[in-house]
Each structure stands twice: as structure tokens, then as C-alpha cells.
């Protein structure tokens, strides 16, 4: 069965410290390994943008928990679909903290978030999803795509 991908965007309810962010990463990696899915979480100090990959039932269940999590506000799915392969193969969760505006990738992530909030599809994908896939490729070690 081909993997599914879900990409969502949400505002953070409060700023997260780097230490807290790393604590979240450890918990998420453990949980994701047991559920058999992969993905990546991008954080820019005010927004989360995350791609989840794996079985659609598991992904939907995890997303419902994310929606209920007090760290997330105004959560919205910007993409849900079948993929030919996993973008984050071999990783239970990749997390990139771009909270500093001087980070070279901050502006790119900010543009993706702005595109996602505007919506619209290009070749069946939103501009935000297309840009996220390109942006993500700079952080991949083991992609099956």
C-alpha cells in the first residue's frame, strides 16, 4: 500500500524554547517509531508546518491528537494525498527549528507559510506543498523519492 502524506499548518499558542523543542523531538521520535510513520516538523517561532507520512488511518489519528494539543491553534490541513514514496524515508521525525529570523532558511519557510494561508492549487498541489517538498530536500539524508 503506498504511503499517504498529510501536511498541516498551525499557529503556536506560545513561543517554544530550543530546549523544549528538543524535548518534543525525543517524545515524537519514540511515538512515531512505534506507529511506523515518518515526517518533518518545521517551526519558525510562531508557526508549525509539518508533513506526516505513512498509513492514512494512523496519520489521521495522529493529526486529530495534534488538533487537540494545546500548543497548536488554528490548525489546518493544506494537503492530504497518496505519495509514490516517502520523502522522509528512514526518519521517524525530522524537526527543524527556524525561529531566528537571521537563519538563511527562515524567509523560505515564512514564504511557504504565507502561501499556505492563501491556498490555491498548482498541478494538483498547493504552492505551499510544492515549495515545502523543495525546501525539505535540503534537510534530507535518506529519501526514497
Protein backbone atom coordinates (compact mmCIF):
# COMPACT_ATOMS: atom_id res chain seq x y z
CA UNK A 1 0.00 0.00 0.00
CA UNK A 2 1.50 3.39 -0.97
CA UNK A 3 2.17 5.87 1.81
CA UNK A 4 -0.06 8.86 2.41
CA UNK A 5 1.12 12.35 3.22
CA UNK A 6 -0.63 14.92 5.35
CA UNK A 7 0.73 18.45 5.63
CA UNK A 8 -0.74 20.84 8.14
CA UNK A 9 -0.10 24.36 9.31
CA UNK A 10 -0.85 25.69 12.80
CA UNK A 11 -0.03 28.70 14.91
CA UNK A 12 1.78 28.08 18.16
CA UNK A 13 -0.03 29.04 21.33
CA UNK A 14 3.25 30.25 22.84
CA UNK A 15 6.90 30.58 21.87
CA UNK A 16 8.93 27.40 22.34
CA UNK A 17 12.48 27.40 23.66
CA UNK A 18 15.13 25.36 21.86
CA UNK A 19 15.34 23.00 24.86
CA UNK A 20 11.57 22.43 24.87
CA UNK A 21 11.67 21.88 21.11
CA UNK A 22 14.33 19.16 21.52
CA UNK A 23 12.31 17.53 24.31
CA UNK A 24 9.33 17.33 21.95
CA UNK A 25 11.56 15.76 19.30
CA UNK A 26 12.60 12.88 21.58
CA UNK A 27 9.00 12.06 22.53
CA UNK A 28 7.80 12.30 18.92
CA UNK A 29 10.57 10.03 17.62
CA UNK A 30 9.66 7.32 20.14
CA UNK A 31 5.95 7.55 19.38
CA UNK A 32 6.39 7.65 15.61
CA UNK A 33 8.69 4.63 15.55
CA UNK A 34 6.01 2.53 17.24
CA UNK A 35 3.38 3.78 14.77
CA UNK A 36 5.51 3.25 11.65
CA UNK A 37 5.37 6.68 10.15
CA UNK A 38 7.82 9.41 9.26
CA UNK A 39 7.82 13.13 8.67
CA UNK A 40 9.26 16.51 9.35
CA UNK A 41 8.25 19.43 11.56
CA UNK A 42 9.32 22.97 10.76
CA UNK A 43 8.98 25.71 13.37
CA UNK A 44 9.63 29.40 12.84
CA UNK A 45 8.82 30.89 16.23
CA UNK A 46 5.15 31.39 15.50
CA UNK A 47 4.03 28.59 13.20
CA UNK A 48 4.34 24.83 12.83
CA UNK A 49 4.40 23.34 9.34
CA UNK A 50 4.53 19.56 9.39
CA UNK A 51 4.45 16.69 6.92
CA UNK A 52 3.37 13.27 8.20
CA UNK A 53 3.87 10.14 6.06
CA UNK A 54 2.56 6.61 6.43
CA UNK A 55 -0.71 4.73 6.76
CA UNK A 56 -3.66 7.10 6.26
CA UNK A 57 -5.52 5.76 9.32
CA UNK A 58 -2.53 6.36 11.58
CA UNK A 59 -1.86 9.79 10.08
CA UNK A 60 -5.46 10.89 10.58
CA UNK A 61 -5.41 9.64 14.17
CA UNK A 62 -2.17 11.49 14.92
CA UNK A 63 -3.48 14.66 13.31
CA UNK A 64 -6.63 14.54 15.45
CA UNK A 65 -4.37 14.41 18.55
CA UNK A 66 -2.34 17.33 17.21
CA UNK A 67 -5.52 19.37 16.77
CA UNK A 68 -6.35 18.74 20.44
CA UNK A 69 -2.85 19.63 21.64
CA UNK A 70 -2.73 22.95 23.46
CA UNK A 71 0.45 24.00 21.61
CA UNK A 72 -1.49 24.27 18.32
CA UNK A 73 -4.05 26.90 17.33
CA UNK A 74 -5.92 27.35 14.06
CA UNK A 75 -4.64 24.06 12.69
CA UNK A 76 -5.48 23.38 9.05
CA UNK A 77 -4.65 20.57 6.65
CA UNK A 78 -3.13 22.01 3.49
CA UNK A 79 -2.51 18.67 1.77
CA UNK A 80 -3.64 15.07 2.14
CA UNK A 81 -2.87 12.56 -0.57
CA UNK A 82 -1.20 9.37 -1.70
CA UNK A 83 2.52 9.50 -2.45
CA UNK A 84 4.62 7.29 -4.69
CA UNK A 85 7.26 7.16 -1.96
CA UNK A 86 8.19 8.66 1.39
CA UNK A 87 10.07 11.93 1.35
CA UNK A 88 11.41 11.23 4.85
CA UNK A 89 12.22 7.54 4.49
CA UNK A 90 14.27 6.23 7.40
CA UNK A 91 13.36 9.07 9.77
CA UNK A 92 10.70 8.85 12.41
CA UNK A 93 10.66 12.63 12.65
CA UNK A 94 12.90 15.38 11.41
CA UNK A 95 12.48 18.69 13.24
CA UNK A 96 13.89 21.98 12.02
CA UNK A 97 13.78 24.99 14.33
CA UNK A 98 14.00 28.16 12.27
CA UNK A 99 12.93 30.55 14.99
CA UNK A 100 15.70 33.01 14.29
CA UNK A 101 14.94 35.47 11.52
CA UNK A 102 18.61 35.61 10.59
CA UNK A 103 18.62 31.89 9.70
CA UNK A 104 19.18 31.56 5.95
CA UNK A 105 16.08 29.36 5.55
CA UNK A 106 13.74 31.49 7.69
CA UNK A 107 12.48 33.59 4.78
CA UNK A 108 11.81 30.50 2.67
CA UNK A 109 9.74 28.91 5.44
CA UNK A 110 7.94 32.21 6.00
CA UNK A 111 7.06 32.32 2.28
CA UNK A 112 5.74 28.73 2.43
CA UNK A 113 3.55 29.58 5.41
CA UNK A 114 2.20 32.69 3.68
CA UNK A 115 1.46 30.66 0.52
CA UNK A 116 -0.32 28.02 2.61
CA UNK A 117 -2.55 30.59 4.27
CA UNK A 118 -3.56 31.94 0.84
CA UNK A 119 -4.44 28.48 -0.54
CA UNK A 120 -4.86 27.55 -4.18
CA UNK A 121 -3.65 24.55 -6.19
CA UNK A 122 -0.95 24.23 -8.85
CA UNK A 123 -0.84 20.95 -10.77
CA UNK A 124 -2.96 19.32 -8.06
CA UNK A 125 -0.77 20.59 -5.23
CA UNK A 126 -0.90 23.85 -3.37
CA UNK A 127 2.06 26.16 -3.98
CA UNK A 128 2.91 25.69 -0.30
CA UNK A 129 3.14 21.90 -0.66
CA UNK A 130 5.31 22.16 -3.76
CA UNK A 131 7.64 24.61 -2.01
CA UNK A 132 7.74 22.51 1.16
CA UNK A 133 8.89 19.48 -0.81
CA UNK A 134 11.68 21.51 -2.42
CA UNK A 135 12.59 23.15 0.90
CA UNK A 136 12.63 19.78 2.66
CA UNK A 137 15.09 18.31 0.19
CA UNK A 138 17.81 20.46 1.76
CA UNK A 139 17.31 18.61 5.05
CA UNK A 140 17.05 15.05 3.80
CA UNK A 141 19.56 12.32 4.46
CA UNK A 142 17.58 9.28 3.30
CA UNK A 143 14.82 9.97 0.84
CA UNK A 144 13.20 7.14 -1.07
CA UNK A 145 11.96 9.59 -3.74
